[in-house]
């Protein structure tokens, strides 16, 4: 029995490490090439469309279980995992990080789409923010054009923006986890007066929220997309990687490796 792990997150790598000793073939999949992780299994990248979709690829490779530990905003691959598990009648174990929650000393403003932000800036603060830390990953030229009147857009991502930068944008290449001291230094060095980020959850990139709290900066938090609901016959949801690993081991350790 082969298990496919849809990864790209720190939790996915942890799940893979914990499953390495169960005596079943594992395949770890990344959407793109940012950093190839060193894992005790086959690692693939580039997506499944070239193979006719995820279900066709799973059938070809004899996959009998899918672990979906992708980013909470990766709606497309999450939907594909759910659809493939239903089509093939195989289990899908989905890990979803708990949401970040605002505390009493936080100044958060939630939004759904970037196009809402210019109006939200005006409505939520006496002085509209001008030097903004955009912690959103990849942004295209249309996204950046929404903020062409700002003094500075500080953009941090693992790889360069595919559409290039506007004149008011500065790019920092970095991959988490990030420390509180490092985030405080970044915000101070660039004179940042607001943060825009996704509600990704998890610990790896949460330090920016503590830094914003310490510096009394507003945070504009993008809500997660509507969750992808899987077929309950095949899909099971987990909020910790430990619970997912335990459930998977209980389901398959007693079965034959050749099933």
Protein backbone atom coordinates (compact mmCIF):
# COMPACT_ATOMS: atom_id res chain seq x y z
CA UNK A 1 0.00 0.00 0.00
CA UNK A 2 1.47 3.34 -1.10
CA UNK A 3 0.62 6.56 0.74
CA UNK A 4 0.82 9.91 -1.04
CA UNK A 5 1.61 12.91 1.17
CA UNK A 6 0.60 16.24 -0.35
CA UNK A 7 3.03 18.56 1.37
CA UNK A 8 4.84 21.86 1.21
CA UNK A 9 4.36 22.66 4.90
CA UNK A 10 6.39 22.00 8.04
CA UNK A 11 3.60 19.77 9.35
CA UNK A 12 3.67 17.67 6.17
CA UNK A 13 7.38 17.01 6.64
CA UNK A 14 6.80 16.08 10.28
CA UNK A 15 4.03 13.67 9.27
CA UNK A 16 6.30 12.11 6.66
CA UNK A 17 9.07 11.59 9.21
CA UNK A 18 6.65 9.96 11.65
CA UNK A 19 5.30 7.60 8.99
CA UNK A 20 8.73 6.53 7.77
CA UNK A 21 8.81 3.44 9.99
CA UNK A 22 5.39 1.95 9.23
CA UNK A 23 6.69 -0.28 6.46
CA UNK A 24 4.63 1.26 3.67
CA UNK A 25 5.92 3.09 0.58
CA UNK A 26 5.59 6.87 0.92
CA UNK A 27 5.61 9.52 -1.80
CA UNK A 28 5.93 13.18 -0.80
CA UNK A 29 4.62 15.74 -3.30
CA UNK A 30 5.43 19.45 -3.62
CA UNK A 31 3.52 21.87 -5.84
CA UNK A 32 6.70 23.62 -6.96
CA UNK A 33 10.43 23.69 -6.36
CA UNK A 34 11.27 26.04 -3.49
CA UNK A 35 13.42 23.83 -1.32
CA UNK A 36 13.64 20.11 -1.94
CA UNK A 37 13.29 18.57 1.53
CA UNK A 38 15.48 15.69 2.63
CA UNK A 39 12.97 12.99 3.55
CA UNK A 40 13.08 9.19 3.94
CA UNK A 41 10.96 8.61 0.83
CA UNK A 42 10.46 9.50 -2.82
CA UNK A 43 9.93 13.26 -3.35
CA UNK A 44 8.17 14.58 -6.45
CA UNK A 45 7.23 18.10 -7.57
CA UNK A 46 5.40 19.90 -10.33
CA UNK A 47 1.76 18.90 -9.89
CA UNK A 48 -0.40 16.24 -11.50
CA UNK A 49 -2.10 17.91 -14.47
CA UNK A 50 0.54 16.55 -16.83
CA UNK A 51 -0.53 13.05 -15.82
CA UNK A 52 -4.24 13.59 -16.35
CA UNK A 53 -4.98 14.74 -12.81
CA UNK A 54 -4.41 13.50 -9.29
CA UNK A 55 -6.81 10.56 -9.47
CA UNK A 56 -5.20 9.20 -12.65
CA UNK A 57 -1.72 9.58 -11.16
CA UNK A 58 -2.75 7.82 -7.93
CA UNK A 59 -4.27 4.95 -9.89
CA UNK A 60 -1.13 4.61 -12.00
CA UNK A 61 1.15 4.57 -8.94
CA UNK A 62 -1.04 2.29 -6.84
CA UNK A 63 -1.75 4.92 -4.18
CA UNK A 64 -4.23 3.65 -1.60
CA UNK A 65 -4.21 6.55 0.84
CA UNK A 66 -3.75 10.33 0.58
CA UNK A 67 -2.47 12.59 3.34
CA UNK A 68 -3.44 16.18 2.57
CA UNK A 69 -1.16 18.41 4.65
CA UNK A 70 -1.08 21.33 2.22
CA UNK A 71 -1.34 25.03 3.07
CA UNK A 72 -4.79 26.17 4.30
CA UNK A 73 -5.02 28.51 1.28
CA UNK A 74 -4.19 25.77 -1.25
CA UNK A 75 -7.84 25.29 -2.21
CA UNK A 76 -7.24 23.74 -5.62
CA UNK A 77 -5.08 20.82 -4.51
CA UNK A 78 -7.29 20.29 -1.47
CA UNK A 79 -10.31 19.96 -3.73
CA UNK A 80 -8.36 17.61 -6.01
CA UNK A 81 -7.38 15.40 -3.06
CA UNK A 82 -10.98 15.18 -1.90
CA UNK A 83 -12.25 14.40 -5.39
CA UNK A 84 -9.55 11.78 -6.02
CA UNK A 85 -10.24 9.95 -2.77
CA UNK A 86 -13.96 9.80 -3.58
CA UNK A 87 -13.42 8.74 -7.19
CA UNK A 88 -10.98 5.97 -6.25
CA UNK A 89 -12.61 4.98 -2.96
CA UNK A 90 -9.45 5.53 -0.93
CA UNK A 91 -8.91 7.29 2.39
CA UNK A 92 -7.89 10.94 2.60
CA UNK A 93 -6.53 12.21 5.90
CA UNK A 94 -6.56 16.01 5.89
CA UNK A 95 -4.57 18.15 8.31
CA UNK A 96 -5.71 21.76 8.73
CA UNK A 97 -3.90 24.16 11.03
CA UNK A 98 -6.09 25.89 13.61
CA UNK A 99 -6.77 29.53 12.82
CA UNK A 100 -4.81 32.29 14.48
CA UNK A 101 -7.02 34.16 16.93
CA UNK A 102 -6.73 37.85 17.79
CA UNK A 103 -5.98 38.65 21.43
CA UNK A 104 -7.15 41.63 23.51
CA UNK A 105 -4.06 43.67 22.61
CA UNK A 106 -4.21 42.96 18.88
CA UNK A 107 -5.52 45.37 16.26
CA UNK A 108 -6.74 43.12 13.48
CA UNK A 109 -8.91 43.92 10.47
CA UNK A 110 -10.16 40.99 8.40
CA UNK A 111 -10.75 40.90 4.65
CA UNK A 112 -11.46 38.36 1.94
CA UNK A 113 -9.85 39.78 -1.19
CA UNK A 114 -6.94 42.17 -1.76
CA UNK A 115 -9.17 44.56 -3.72
CA UNK A 116 -10.97 45.35 -0.44
CA UNK A 117 -7.85 46.68 1.25
CA UNK A 118 -7.60 50.29 -0.04
CA UNK A 119 -11.07 51.06 1.34
CA UNK A 120 -10.39 49.08 4.50
CA UNK A 121 -7.21 51.10 5.11
CA UNK A 122 -9.22 54.33 5.03
CA UNK A 123 -12.02 53.03 7.21
CA UNK A 124 -9.92 51.37 9.90
CA UNK A 125 -7.32 54.00 10.76
CA UNK A 126 -7.10 57.76 11.25
CA UNK A 127 -4.00 57.74 9.07
CA UNK A 128 -4.04 55.32 6.16
CA UNK A 129 -0.93 53.08 6.31
CA UNK A 130 1.83 53.98 3.89
CA UNK A 131 4.65 51.52 4.61
CA UNK A 132 3.16 48.07 4.44
CA UNK A 133 4.67 44.66 5.07
CA UNK A 134 2.93 42.32 2.60
CA UNK A 135 3.42 38.82 4.01
CA UNK A 136 1.30 37.05 1.41
CA UNK A 137 3.70 34.99 -0.65
CA UNK A 138 3.35 35.36 -4.41
CA UNK A 139 1.67 38.53 -5.73
CA UNK A 140 1.07 39.47 -9.36
CA UNK A 141 1.25 42.86 -11.06
CA UNK A 142 -2.49 43.45 -10.66
CA UNK A 143 -2.19 42.86 -6.91
CA UNK A 144 0.67 45.34 -6.59
CA UNK A 145 -1.16 47.93 -8.69
CA UNK A 146 -3.81 48.19 -5.96
CA UNK A 147 -1.18 49.80 -3.72
CA UNK A 148 0.72 52.00 -6.17
CA UNK A 149 -0.06 55.09 -4.06
CA UNK A 150 1.73 53.72 -0.96
CA UNK A 151 5.23 54.78 0.01
CA UNK A 152 6.53 51.23 0.44
CA UNK A 153 5.42 47.68 -0.10
CA UNK A 154 7.78 45.30 1.65
CA UNK A 155 7.24 41.86 0.17
CA UNK A 156 8.70 38.68 1.62
CA UNK A 157 8.56 35.38 -0.22
CA UNK A 158 10.62 32.25 -0.87
CA UNK A 159 11.04 32.94 -4.59
CA UNK A 160 10.99 36.17 -6.65
CA UNK A 161 7.64 37.53 -7.76
CA UNK A 162 6.86 36.21 -11.21
CA UNK A 163 5.40 39.51 -12.41
CA UNK A 164 8.23 41.73 -11.17
CA UNK A 165 8.11 44.63 -8.71
CA UNK A 166 6.54 48.07 -8.84
CA UNK A 167 8.64 51.17 -8.12
CA UNK A 168 7.42 51.36 -4.53
CA UNK A 169 8.06 47.69 -3.76
CA UNK A 170 11.02 46.08 -2.04
CA UNK A 171 11.49 42.31 -1.97
CA UNK A 172 13.05 40.21 0.78
CA UNK A 173 13.78 36.55 0.12
CA UNK A 174 13.25 34.39 3.19
CA UNK A 175 11.69 31.14 4.34
CA UNK A 176 10.37 30.59 7.87
CA UNK A 177 10.41 29.88 10.69
CA UNK A 178 10.98 33.47 11.83
CA UNK A 179 11.94 34.70 15.30
CA UNK A 180 10.33 37.54 17.21
CA UNK A 181 13.65 39.41 17.35
CA UNK A 182 14.06 39.06 13.60
CA UNK A 183 10.54 40.25 12.87
CA UNK A 184 10.90 43.25 15.18
CA UNK A 185 14.14 44.22 13.46
CA UNK A 186 12.57 43.88 10.00
CA UNK A 187 9.57 46.04 10.89
CA UNK A 188 11.69 48.72 12.54
CA UNK A 189 14.36 48.83 9.83
CA UNK A 190 11.77 49.47 7.12
CA UNK A 191 9.56 51.77 9.22
CA UNK A 192 6.55 49.53 8.67
CA UNK A 193 3.21 50.92 9.84
CA UNK A 194 0.91 47.98 8.92
CA UNK A 195 1.08 44.26 8.16
CA UNK A 196 -1.00 42.40 5.59
CA UNK A 197 -1.00 38.61 5.88
CA UNK A 198 -3.02 35.44 5.48
CA UNK A 199 -4.53 33.58 8.40
CA UNK A 200 -2.24 30.63 7.79
CA UNK A 201 -2.10 29.40 11.37
CA UNK A 202 0.83 27.49 12.82
CA UNK A 203 3.96 28.61 14.64
CA UNK A 204 6.52 29.02 11.85
CA UNK A 205 5.43 32.50 10.75
CA UNK A 206 3.42 33.65 13.77
CA UNK A 207 6.20 35.83 15.20
CA UNK A 208 5.14 38.75 13.00
CA UNK A 209 1.85 38.89 14.91
CA UNK A 210 3.65 39.12 18.24
CA UNK A 211 5.89 41.80 16.76
CA UNK A 212 2.87 43.76 15.54
CA UNK A 213 1.34 43.54 19.01
CA UNK A 214 4.56 44.76 20.63
CA UNK A 215 4.84 47.70 18.20
CA UNK A 216 1.08 48.47 18.26
CA UNK A 217 0.79 47.97 14.50
CA UNK A 218 -2.48 47.12 12.75
CA UNK A 219 -2.70 43.73 11.07
CA UNK A 220 -4.88 43.23 8.01
CA UNK A 221 -5.70 39.53 8.05
CA UNK A 222 -6.96 37.69 5.00
CA UNK A 223 -9.65 35.18 5.87
CA UNK A 224 -9.23 31.63 4.69
CA UNK A 225 -11.21 30.45 1.67
CA UNK A 226 -14.27 28.35 2.30
CA UNK A 227 -13.13 24.90 3.45
CA UNK A 228 -13.21 22.07 0.96
CA UNK A 229 -15.68 19.53 2.29
CA UNK A 230 -14.70 15.97 1.51
CA UNK A 231 -16.93 12.91 1.30
CA UNK A 232 -17.26 11.73 4.90
CA UNK A 233 -16.97 8.12 3.75
CA UNK A 234 -13.37 8.73 2.69
CA UNK A 235 -12.12 12.03 4.13
CA UNK A 236 -11.24 12.63 7.77
CA UNK A 237 -10.20 16.01 9.20
CA UNK A 238 -7.45 16.55 11.81
CA UNK A 239 -6.17 19.66 13.58
CA UNK A 240 -2.88 18.13 14.80
CA UNK A 241 -0.37 16.05 12.89
CA UNK A 242 -0.07 13.69 15.88
CA UNK A 243 -3.75 12.77 15.70
CA UNK A 244 -3.53 12.20 11.95
CA UNK A 245 -0.49 9.94 12.24
CA UNK A 246 -2.11 7.92 15.02
CA UNK A 247 -5.30 7.42 13.02
CA UNK A 248 -3.39 6.38 9.91
CA UNK A 249 -1.24 3.91 11.82
CA UNK A 250 -4.30 2.42 13.49
CA UNK A 251 -5.98 2.02 10.11
CA UNK A 252 -3.10 0.45 8.23
CA UNK A 253 -0.49 -1.08 10.52
CA UNK A 254 -2.54 -4.24 10.87
CA UNK A 255 -3.04 -4.57 7.11
CA UNK A 256 -0.74 -6.41 4.74
CA UNK A 257 1.99 -4.28 3.12
CA UNK A 258 0.92 -5.79 -0.20
CA UNK A 259 -2.68 -4.62 0.03
